[in-house]
Amino acid sequence: MGLTLWGVGPRSQKRHLEDVQRRLMGARESLRVLEEQVTVWNEALDDARIRSLVAETPLVTAEYNELSKHVVAANAEMIRRSNEVQSLTAERDRLLRELPKDENG
């Protein structure tokens, strides 16, 4: 049984690959849910913006500003999760390339 560059055997590599794949699936699902939520929040933000322009009251403007903060934070989280998916995908692909040929099929 040969050792890989980082000194672990194929069985350990395979377990690590399975772990990365599980994390990747969870990250993708989390990102998908957040994308759906952000779509809804963006629509609500558009409605709130129009209400704040029409109503021109401090309360409506404050509601718009508060919702805007949430949407900005959600968009930042969406970017973070997207980067996580990209990172996990790259790690998975690297692990697949490093598996011994008999483990790869």
C-alpha atoms as a PDB file:
ATOM      1  CA  MET A   1       0.000   0.000   0.000  1.00  0.00           C
ATOM      2  CA  GLY A   2       1.584   3.290  -1.108  1.00  0.00           C
ATOM      3  CA  LEU A   3       1.494   6.506   0.848  1.00  0.00           C
ATOM      4  CA  THR A   4       0.287   9.789  -0.611  1.00  0.00           C
ATOM      5  CA  LEU A   5       2.177  13.046  -0.541  1.00  0.00           C
ATOM      6  CA  TRP A   6       0.776  13.958   2.876  1.00  0.00           C
ATOM      7  CA  GLY A   7       1.488  10.578   4.455  1.00  0.00           C
ATOM      8  CA  VAL A   8      -1.939   8.976   4.806  1.00  0.00           C
ATOM      9  CA  GLY A   9      -3.145   5.764   3.239  1.00  0.00           C
ATOM     10  CA  PRO A  10      -5.895   5.296   0.654  1.00  0.00           C
ATOM     11  CA  ARG A  11      -8.459   4.300   3.302  1.00  0.00           C
ATOM     12  CA  SER A  12      -7.870   7.548   5.207  1.00  0.00           C
ATOM     13  CA  GLN A  13      -7.981   9.496   1.933  1.00  0.00           C
ATOM     14  CA  LYS A  14     -11.297   7.899   1.067  1.00  0.00           C
ATOM     15  CA  ARG A  15     -12.766   8.783   4.495  1.00  0.00           C
ATOM     16  CA  HIS A  16     -11.534  12.353   4.090  1.00  0.00           C
ATOM     17  CA  LEU A  17     -13.066  12.496   0.605  1.00  0.00           C
ATOM     18  CA  GLU A  18     -16.395  11.220   1.954  1.00  0.00           C
ATOM     19  CA  ASP A  19     -16.290  13.863   4.701  1.00  0.00           C
ATOM     20  CA  VAL A  20     -15.567  16.623   2.189  1.00  0.00           C
ATOM     21  CA  GLN A  21     -18.385  15.361  -0.055  1.00  0.00           C
ATOM     22  CA  ARG A  22     -20.846  15.407   2.881  1.00  0.00           C
ATOM     23  CA  ARG A  23     -19.770  18.933   3.813  1.00  0.00           C
ATOM     24  CA  LEU A  24     -20.051  20.010   0.172  1.00  0.00           C
ATOM     25  CA  MET A  25     -23.591  18.659  -0.120  1.00  0.00           C
ATOM     26  CA  GLY A  26     -24.587  20.476   3.084  1.00  0.00           C
ATOM     27  CA  ALA A  27     -22.946  23.713   1.934  1.00  0.00           C
ATOM     28  CA  ARG A  28     -24.718  23.531  -1.439  1.00  0.00           C
ATOM     29  CA  GLU A  29     -28.086  22.963   0.223  1.00  0.00           C
ATOM     30  CA  SER A  30     -27.476  25.793   2.693  1.00  0.00           C
ATOM     31  CA  LEU A  31     -26.524  28.108  -0.184  1.00  0.00           C
ATOM     32  CA  ARG A  32     -29.624  27.099  -2.173  1.00  0.00           C
ATOM     33  CA  VAL A  33     -31.924  27.885   0.774  1.00  0.00           C
ATOM     34  CA  LEU A  34     -30.212  31.211   1.418  1.00  0.00           C
ATOM     35  CA  GLU A  35     -30.469  32.155  -2.279  1.00  0.00           C
ATOM     36  CA  GLU A  36     -34.230  31.551  -2.127  1.00  0.00           C
ATOM     37  CA  GLN A  37     -34.525  33.656   1.025  1.00  0.00           C
ATOM     38  CA  VAL A  38     -32.462  36.487  -0.453  1.00  0.00           C
ATOM     39  CA  THR A  39     -34.672  36.521  -3.538  1.00  0.00           C
ATOM     40  CA  VAL A  40     -37.736  37.000  -1.338  1.00  0.00           C
ATOM     41  CA  TRP A  41     -35.986  39.617   0.808  1.00  0.00           C
ATOM     42  CA  ASN A  42     -34.855  41.540  -2.278  1.00  0.00           C
ATOM     43  CA  GLU A  43     -38.461  41.678  -3.490  1.00  0.00           C
ATOM     44  CA  ALA A  44     -39.577  42.871  -0.050  1.00  0.00           C
ATOM     45  CA  LEU A  45     -36.777  45.449  -0.081  1.00  0.00           C
ATOM     46  CA  ASP A  46     -37.977  46.785  -3.448  1.00  0.00           C
ATOM     47  CA  ASP A  47     -41.505  47.101  -2.048  1.00  0.00           C
ATOM     48  CA  ALA A  48     -40.224  48.802   1.099  1.00  0.00           C
ATOM     49  CA  ARG A  49     -38.146  51.233  -0.977  1.00  0.00           C
ATOM     50  CA  ILE A  50     -41.197  52.246  -2.983  1.00  0.00           C
ATOM     51  CA  ARG A  51     -43.287  52.634   0.209  1.00  0.00           C
ATOM     52  CA  SER A  52     -40.572  54.783   1.773  1.00  0.00           C
ATOM     53  CA  LEU A  53     -40.455  57.021  -1.297  1.00  0.00           C
ATOM     54  CA  VAL A  54     -44.223  57.390  -1.445  1.00  0.00           C
ATOM     55  CA  ALA A  55     -44.949  57.673   2.277  1.00  0.00           C
ATOM     56  CA  GLU A  56     -41.928  59.785   3.219  1.00  0.00           C
ATOM     57  CA  THR A  57     -42.443  59.026   6.907  1.00  0.00           C
ATOM     58  CA  PRO A  58     -39.669  58.260   9.384  1.00  0.00           C
ATOM     59  CA  LEU A  59     -41.254  54.918  10.364  1.00  0.00           C
ATOM     60  CA  VAL A  60     -41.450  53.608   6.798  1.00  0.00           C
ATOM     61  CA  THR A  61     -37.940  54.865   6.069  1.00  0.00           C
ATOM     62  CA  ALA A  62     -36.660  53.151   9.230  1.00  0.00           C
ATOM     63  CA  GLU A  63     -38.339  49.892   8.163  1.00  0.00           C
ATOM     64  CA  TYR A  64     -36.664  50.140   4.763  1.00  0.00           C
ATOM     65  CA  ASN A  65     -33.274  50.866   6.343  1.00  0.00           C
ATOM     66  CA  GLU A  66     -33.590  47.907   8.733  1.00  0.00           C
ATOM     67  CA  LEU A  67     -34.597  45.524   5.953  1.00  0.00           C
ATOM     68  CA  SER A  68     -31.771  46.876   3.823  1.00  0.00           C
ATOM     69  CA  LYS A  69     -29.255  45.980   6.551  1.00  0.00           C
ATOM     70  CA  HIS A  70     -30.602  42.419   6.662  1.00  0.00           C
ATOM     71  CA  VAL A  71     -30.395  42.054   2.898  1.00  0.00           C
ATOM     72  CA  VAL A  72     -26.809  43.351   2.862  1.00  0.00           C
ATOM     73  CA  ALA A  73     -25.861  40.862   5.598  1.00  0.00           C
ATOM     74  CA  ALA A  74     -27.637  38.021   3.787  1.00  0.00           C
ATOM     75  CA  ASN A  75     -25.851  38.863   0.542  1.00  0.00           C
ATOM     76  CA  ALA A  76     -22.509  38.821   2.370  1.00  0.00           C
ATOM     77  CA  GLU A  77     -23.377  35.433   3.882  1.00  0.00           C
ATOM     78  CA  MET A  78     -24.382  34.167   0.449  1.00  0.00           C
ATOM     79  CA  ILE A  79     -20.963  35.162  -0.899  1.00  0.00           C
ATOM     80  CA  ARG A  80     -19.273  33.438   2.061  1.00  0.00           C
ATOM     81  CA  ARG A  81     -21.253  30.244   1.471  1.00  0.00           C
ATOM     82  CA  SER A  82     -20.584  30.362  -2.258  1.00  0.00           C
ATOM     83  CA  ASN A  83     -16.852  30.638  -1.528  1.00  0.00           C
ATOM     84  CA  GLU A  84     -17.167  27.685   0.851  1.00  0.00           C
ATOM     85  CA  VAL A  85     -18.815  25.606  -1.892  1.00  0.00           C
ATOM     86  CA  GLN A  86     -16.035  26.546  -4.320  1.00  0.00           C
ATOM     87  CA  SER A  87     -13.362  25.678  -1.765  1.00  0.00           C
ATOM     88  CA  LEU A  88     -14.926  22.329  -0.895  1.00  0.00           C
ATOM     89  CA  THR A  89     -15.365  21.517  -4.589  1.00  0.00           C
ATOM     90  CA  ALA A  90     -11.696  22.261  -5.223  1.00  0.00           C
ATOM     91  CA  GLU A  91     -10.672  20.129  -2.228  1.00  0.00           C
ATOM     92  CA  ARG A  92     -12.898  17.261  -3.376  1.00  0.00           C
ATOM     93  CA  ASP A  93     -11.471  17.432  -6.894  1.00  0.00           C
ATOM     94  CA  ARG A  94      -7.920  17.453  -5.522  1.00  0.00           C
ATOM     95  CA  LEU A  95      -8.661  14.428  -3.348  1.00  0.00           C
ATOM     96  CA  LEU A  96     -10.174  12.585  -6.298  1.00  0.00           C
ATOM     97  CA  ARG A  97      -7.050  13.236  -8.368  1.00  0.00           C
ATOM     98  CA  GLU A  98      -4.825  11.967  -5.537  1.00  0.00           C
ATOM     99  CA  LEU A  99      -6.703   8.708  -4.950  1.00  0.00           C
ATOM    100  CA  PRO A 100      -4.826   5.671  -6.203  1.00  0.00           C
ATOM    101  CA  LYS A 101      -6.175   4.511  -9.575  1.00  0.00           C
ATOM    102  CA  ASP A 102      -7.712   1.323  -8.131  1.00  0.00           C
ATOM    103  CA  GLU A 103      -9.754   3.479  -5.700  1.00  0.00           C
ATOM    104  CA  ASN A 104     -10.890   5.851  -8.470  1.00  0.00           C
ATOM    105  CA  GLY A 105     -12.383   3.256 -10.761  1.00  0.00           C
END
